[in-house]
Protein backbone atom coordinates (compact mmCIF):
# COMPACT_ATOMS: atom_id res chain seq x y z
CA MET A 1 13.68 6.25 -16.72
CA ARG A 2 10.16 7.26 -15.68
CA ALA A 3 10.34 8.97 -12.30
CA ASP A 4 6.58 8.62 -11.78
CA LEU A 5 6.38 4.89 -12.50
CA PHE A 6 5.88 3.89 -8.84
CA ASP A 7 5.44 7.28 -7.22
CA ARG A 8 1.86 7.77 -6.02
CA TYR A 9 2.33 11.27 -4.63
CA GLN A 10 -0.32 13.77 -5.77
CA ALA A 11 0.94 17.34 -5.67
CA ARG A 12 -1.72 19.59 -4.16
CA ALA A 13 -1.82 22.74 -2.05
CA SER A 14 -3.84 21.56 0.93
CA LEU A 15 -3.77 21.42 4.72
CA VAL A 16 -3.17 17.66 4.62
CA HIS A 17 -0.15 17.99 2.35
CA ALA A 18 1.28 20.70 4.60
CA LEU A 19 1.24 18.53 7.72
CA ASP A 20 4.49 17.17 9.08
CA PRO A 21 5.13 13.64 7.73
CA ARG A 22 5.69 12.35 11.27
CA ALA A 23 2.23 13.53 12.24
CA LYS A 24 0.68 11.91 9.18
CA VAL A 25 2.39 8.57 9.83
CA VAL A 26 1.23 8.53 13.46
CA MET A 27 -2.29 9.54 12.44
CA ALA A 28 -2.46 6.76 9.84
CA VAL A 29 -1.30 4.17 12.38
CA LEU A 30 -3.80 5.42 14.97
CA PHE A 31 -6.61 5.29 12.43
CA ILE A 32 -5.75 1.72 11.43
CA LEU A 33 -5.53 0.61 15.07
CA SER A 34 -8.86 2.26 15.78
CA ASN A 35 -10.51 0.28 12.98
CA VAL A 36 -8.87 -2.96 14.05
CA LEU A 37 -10.17 -2.54 17.61
CA LEU A 38 -13.76 -1.95 16.50
CA PRO A 39 -16.00 -4.93 17.34
CA ASP A 40 -17.37 -7.16 14.62
CA GLY A 41 -20.58 -5.85 13.11
CA ALA A 42 -20.09 -2.23 14.21
CA TRP A 43 -21.42 -1.02 10.87
CA ALA A 44 -22.32 2.47 12.03
CA ALA A 45 -18.80 3.00 13.39
CA PHE A 46 -17.30 1.67 10.17
CA LEU A 47 -19.49 4.06 8.19
CA ILE A 48 -18.35 7.00 10.32
CA SER A 49 -14.71 6.01 9.78
CA TRP A 50 -15.28 5.83 6.04
CA GLY A 51 -16.90 9.27 6.16
CA ALA A 52 -13.80 10.57 7.94
CA ILE A 53 -11.60 9.15 5.16
CA LEU A 54 -13.72 10.81 2.48
CA GLY A 55 -13.59 14.08 4.43
CA ILE A 56 -9.80 13.92 4.63
CA SER A 57 -9.66 13.13 0.91
CA LEU A 58 -11.75 16.20 0.14
CA LEU A 59 -9.61 18.30 2.49
CA ALA A 60 -6.55 17.11 0.58
CA ARG A 61 -8.22 18.13 -2.71
CA LEU A 62 -8.09 14.59 -4.06
CA GLY A 63 -11.80 14.11 -4.61
CA PRO A 64 -14.14 11.56 -3.01
CA GLY A 65 -13.46 8.84 -5.56
CA PHE A 66 -9.67 8.95 -5.38
CA VAL A 67 -9.11 6.50 -2.53
CA VAL A 68 -12.16 4.40 -3.40
CA ASN A 69 -11.02 3.67 -6.95
CA ARG A 70 -7.48 2.79 -5.88
CA SER A 71 -8.48 0.64 -2.91
CA VAL A 72 -10.69 -1.77 -4.86
CA VAL A 73 -7.62 -3.61 -6.15
CA ALA A 74 -6.80 -4.74 -2.58
CA LEU A 75 -10.19 -6.33 -1.90
CA PRO A 76 -9.43 -9.75 -3.51
CA PHE A 77 -6.62 -10.27 -0.97
CA VAL A 78 -9.09 -10.35 1.93
CA LEU A 79 -10.48 -13.61 0.53
CA ALA A 80 -7.75 -15.25 2.62
CA ALA A 81 -10.12 -14.70 5.57
CA VAL A 82 -13.00 -16.55 3.94
CA SER A 83 -12.43 -19.47 6.32
CA ALA A 84 -13.96 -17.33 9.08
CA ILE A 85 -17.37 -17.96 7.51
CA PHE A 86 -17.13 -21.63 8.46
CA SER A 87 -14.82 -21.60 11.51
CA VAL A 88 -16.63 -19.11 13.78
CA PRO A 89 -19.31 -20.89 15.84
CA GLY A 90 -22.82 -19.48 15.75
CA ARG A 91 -26.30 -19.93 14.35
CA PRO A 92 -26.06 -21.79 11.02
CA VAL A 93 -27.65 -20.05 8.05
CA ALA A 94 -26.53 -22.33 5.19
CA ALA A 95 -24.61 -25.51 4.47
CA LEU A 96 -22.15 -26.41 1.73
CA GLU A 97 -21.77 -30.03 0.63
CA LEU A 98 -18.26 -30.81 -0.65
CA GLY A 99 -18.24 -34.53 -1.17
CA ALA A 100 -17.91 -36.13 2.23
CA TRP A 101 -17.44 -32.73 3.85
CA ARG A 102 -20.30 -30.60 5.09
CA LEU A 103 -19.42 -26.98 5.93
CA LEU A 104 -21.81 -24.85 7.95
CA VAL A 105 -22.04 -21.15 7.20
CA THR A 106 -22.77 -19.35 10.46
CA GLU A 107 -24.23 -15.92 11.04
CA ALA A 108 -21.33 -14.96 13.30
CA GLY A 109 -18.90 -16.16 10.65
CA LEU A 110 -20.50 -13.99 7.99
CA ILE A 111 -20.34 -10.97 10.30
CA ARG A 112 -16.69 -11.69 11.12
CA PHE A 113 -15.75 -12.03 7.44
CA ALA A 114 -17.62 -8.87 6.42
CA SER A 115 -15.98 -6.95 9.28
CA ILE A 116 -12.52 -8.12 8.18
CA VAL A 117 -13.27 -6.98 4.63
CA VAL A 118 -14.38 -3.55 5.82
CA ARG A 119 -11.41 -3.13 8.18
CA SER A 120 -8.96 -4.07 5.44
CA TRP A 121 -10.64 -1.76 2.94
CA LEU A 122 -10.55 1.21 5.31
CA SER A 123 -6.92 0.53 6.25
CA VAL A 124 -5.90 0.43 2.59
CA GLN A 125 -7.69 3.70 1.95
CA ILE A 126 -5.92 5.55 4.77
CA ALA A 127 -2.58 4.15 3.53
CA ILE A 128 -3.39 5.43 0.04
CA LEU A 129 -4.10 8.86 1.49
CA LEU A 130 -0.79 8.80 3.34
CA THR A 131 1.26 7.99 0.24
CA ALA A 132 -0.74 10.39 -1.95
CA THR A 133 -0.10 13.37 0.33
CA THR A 134 3.51 12.67 1.40
CA HIS A 135 6.71 12.37 -0.61
CA PHE A 136 8.30 8.95 -0.17
CA PRO A 137 11.67 10.37 1.06
CA ASP A 138 9.74 12.37 3.65
CA LEU A 139 7.97 9.19 4.77
CA LEU A 140 11.32 7.47 5.26
CA HIS A 141 12.67 10.46 7.14
CA ALA A 142 9.59 10.43 9.36
CA LEU A 143 10.11 6.74 10.14
CA ARG A 144 13.66 7.48 11.30
CA HIS A 145 12.36 10.29 13.51
CA LEU A 146 9.86 7.84 14.98
CA TYR A 147 12.72 5.47 15.91
CA VAL A 148 11.95 2.75 13.40
CA PRO A 149 15.12 0.59 13.19
CA LYS A 150 17.68 2.10 10.86
CA MET A 151 18.19 -1.17 8.98
CA VAL A 152 14.45 -1.53 8.26
CA VAL A 153 14.23 2.00 6.88
CA ALA A 154 17.34 1.45 4.75
CA VAL A 155 15.91 -1.78 3.29
CA VAL A 156 12.63 -0.05 2.42
CA ALA A 157 14.50 2.87 0.86
CA PHE A 158 16.69 0.64 -1.30
CA MET A 159 13.74 -1.51 -2.32
CA TYR A 160 11.86 1.57 -3.50
CA ARG A 161 14.81 2.99 -5.40
CA TYR A 162 15.76 -0.29 -7.06
CA LEU A 163 12.21 -0.79 -8.32
CA PHE A 164 12.99 1.96 -10.81
CA VAL A 165 16.25 0.23 -11.77
CA LEU A 166 14.43 -3.06 -12.36
CA ALA A 167 11.74 -1.35 -14.42
CA ASP A 168 14.38 0.41 -16.50
CA GLU A 169 16.29 -2.81 -17.17
CA SER A 170 13.12 -4.73 -18.06
CA THR A 171 12.11 -1.97 -20.49
CA ARG A 172 15.49 -2.23 -22.22
CA LEU A 173 15.14 -6.00 -22.50
CA LEU A 174 11.66 -5.73 -23.97
CA ARG A 175 12.83 -3.15 -26.47
CA ALA A 176 15.75 -5.36 -27.47
CA ARG A 177 13.45 -8.37 -27.87
CA ASP A 178 11.06 -6.44 -30.12
CA ALA A 179 13.96 -5.13 -32.23
CA ARG A 180 15.38 -8.65 -32.76
CA SER A 181 12.11 -10.55 -33.21
CA PRO A 182 10.39 -9.56 -36.46
CA ARG A 183 6.86 -10.79 -36.96
CA PRO A 184 6.23 -13.35 -39.74
CA GLU A 185 4.61 -12.08 -42.90
CA GLY A 186 0.82 -12.28 -42.94
CA GLY A 187 0.46 -11.26 -39.30
CA GLY A 188 1.00 -14.72 -37.81
CA GLY A 189 2.01 -14.88 -34.15
CA LEU A 190 5.06 -16.49 -32.63
CA SER A 191 4.72 -19.91 -30.99
CA ALA A 192 4.07 -20.34 -27.28
CA ALA A 193 7.26 -22.39 -26.90
CA TRP A 194 9.31 -19.58 -28.42
CA ARG A 195 7.69 -17.03 -26.11
CA ALA A 196 8.33 -19.21 -23.06
CA ARG A 197 11.99 -19.72 -23.99
CA VAL A 198 12.56 -16.02 -24.61
CA ALA A 199 10.76 -15.07 -21.39
CA GLY A 200 12.97 -17.46 -19.40
CA ASN A 201 16.11 -16.01 -20.95
CA MET A 202 14.89 -12.49 -20.22
CA VAL A 203 14.30 -13.31 -16.55
CA GLY A 204 17.86 -14.61 -16.24
CA GLN A 205 19.28 -11.59 -18.05
CA LEU A 206 17.22 -9.26 -15.85
CA PHE A 207 18.66 -10.85 -12.71
CA LEU A 208 22.26 -10.59 -13.93
CA ARG A 209 21.88 -7.03 -15.22
CA SER A 210 20.11 -5.87 -12.07
CA PHE A 211 22.73 -7.44 -9.81
CA GLU A 212 25.61 -5.85 -11.72
CA ARG A 213 23.90 -2.47 -11.93
CA SER A 214 23.00 -2.47 -8.24
CA ASP A 215 26.68 -2.99 -7.42
CA ARG A 216 27.62 -0.03 -9.61
CA VAL A 217 24.89 2.13 -8.06
CA TYR A 218 26.04 1.30 -4.54
CA SER A 219 29.66 2.08 -5.43
CA ALA A 220 28.53 5.42 -6.85
CA MET A 221 26.62 6.15 -3.64
CA LEU A 222 29.69 5.43 -1.51
CA ALA A 223 31.79 7.67 -3.77
CA ARG A 224 29.31 10.48 -3.14
CA GLY A 225 29.48 10.19 0.63
CA TYR A 226 26.67 7.78 1.53
CA THR A 227 26.99 6.74 5.18
CA GLY A 228 23.69 4.98 5.71
CA GLN A 229 21.81 8.11 6.71
CA LEU A 230 18.76 9.22 4.73
CA LEU A 231 18.89 12.91 3.88
CA THR A 232 16.10 15.19 2.74
CA LEU A 233 15.91 18.79 1.56
CA ASN A 234 12.63 19.41 3.39
CA PRO A 235 12.99 20.68 6.96
CA HIS A 236 10.71 18.82 9.37
CA ALA A 237 9.47 20.65 12.44
CA MET A 238 6.30 19.89 14.36
CA GLN A 239 4.07 22.95 14.48
CA ALA A 240 0.83 23.82 16.21
CA LYS A 241 -1.29 22.56 13.31
CA ASP A 242 0.44 19.17 13.45
CA TRP A 243 -0.20 18.73 17.18
CA LEU A 244 -3.79 19.87 16.68
CA ALA A 245 -4.35 17.31 13.92
CA LEU A 246 -2.94 14.56 16.14
CA LEU A 247 -5.18 15.62 19.01
CA LEU A 248 -8.28 15.67 16.81
CA LEU A 249 -7.57 12.21 15.43
CA ALA A 250 -6.90 10.84 18.91
CA LEU A 251 -10.24 12.23 20.11
CA PHE A 252 -11.94 10.76 17.05
CA SER A 253 -10.40 7.34 17.71
CA VAL A 254 -11.53 7.32 21.33
CA SER A 255 -15.00 8.58 20.42
CA ILE A 256 -15.51 5.94 17.74
CA GLN A 257 -14.51 3.20 20.17
CA VAL A 258 -17.00 4.45 22.77
CA PHE A 259 -19.73 4.86 20.16
CA SER A 260 -19.26 1.31 18.83
CA ARG A 261 -19.80 -0.15 22.29
CA LEU A 262 -22.94 1.78 23.23
């Protein structure tokens, strides 16, 4: 099983990595809230926030392109807000004719949509920084310290761990399929109907195998003393540098809000 299949942690010796995970979680949430509260069209404030993200990335020794390259994949999801272009009232700048329907593109709608895209992009980048500088077990432990409901943290922990189990089972199924499905001579491919039938059987087998294996894993956890509490080998204690980082980010959040409304 590949231990790094879903793990996005980047091991570095930096000030950001050394911060307490509780402080980093609170800082990430504050940063996201600060961006959400910025008014539409506050481009200068958005640019300053992006500069802060790049600065943190450099401080964490990840490079300026680390978060940018990994955040691009999330941009297509913001197309769900494309309706804001037509639904926000304002000065019309264009019109789209869709049969009997005539949709007006407004200036305020374009600004709203662009602001949503920027907010989402910045939020994804700060989340990438959080996961890249903090071990996932430490993140879960920090959530428990911050009084996130125990059941929610347990569900997230099991979901993360069983992703590796699912990936391992699917790899075994793919290997078994390749071993039992020789290619025809001459390099011809297999039919689409055959592929669809095999894929359907594999999905069913994956569900059954995963269900049975999850039961065995849980029984093994109970046999080893699992009581529902998440344990970690890393001691967590808030130090002066953690409180200072929280204070600096809080001051930055307040300052950016004031600046965007000047």
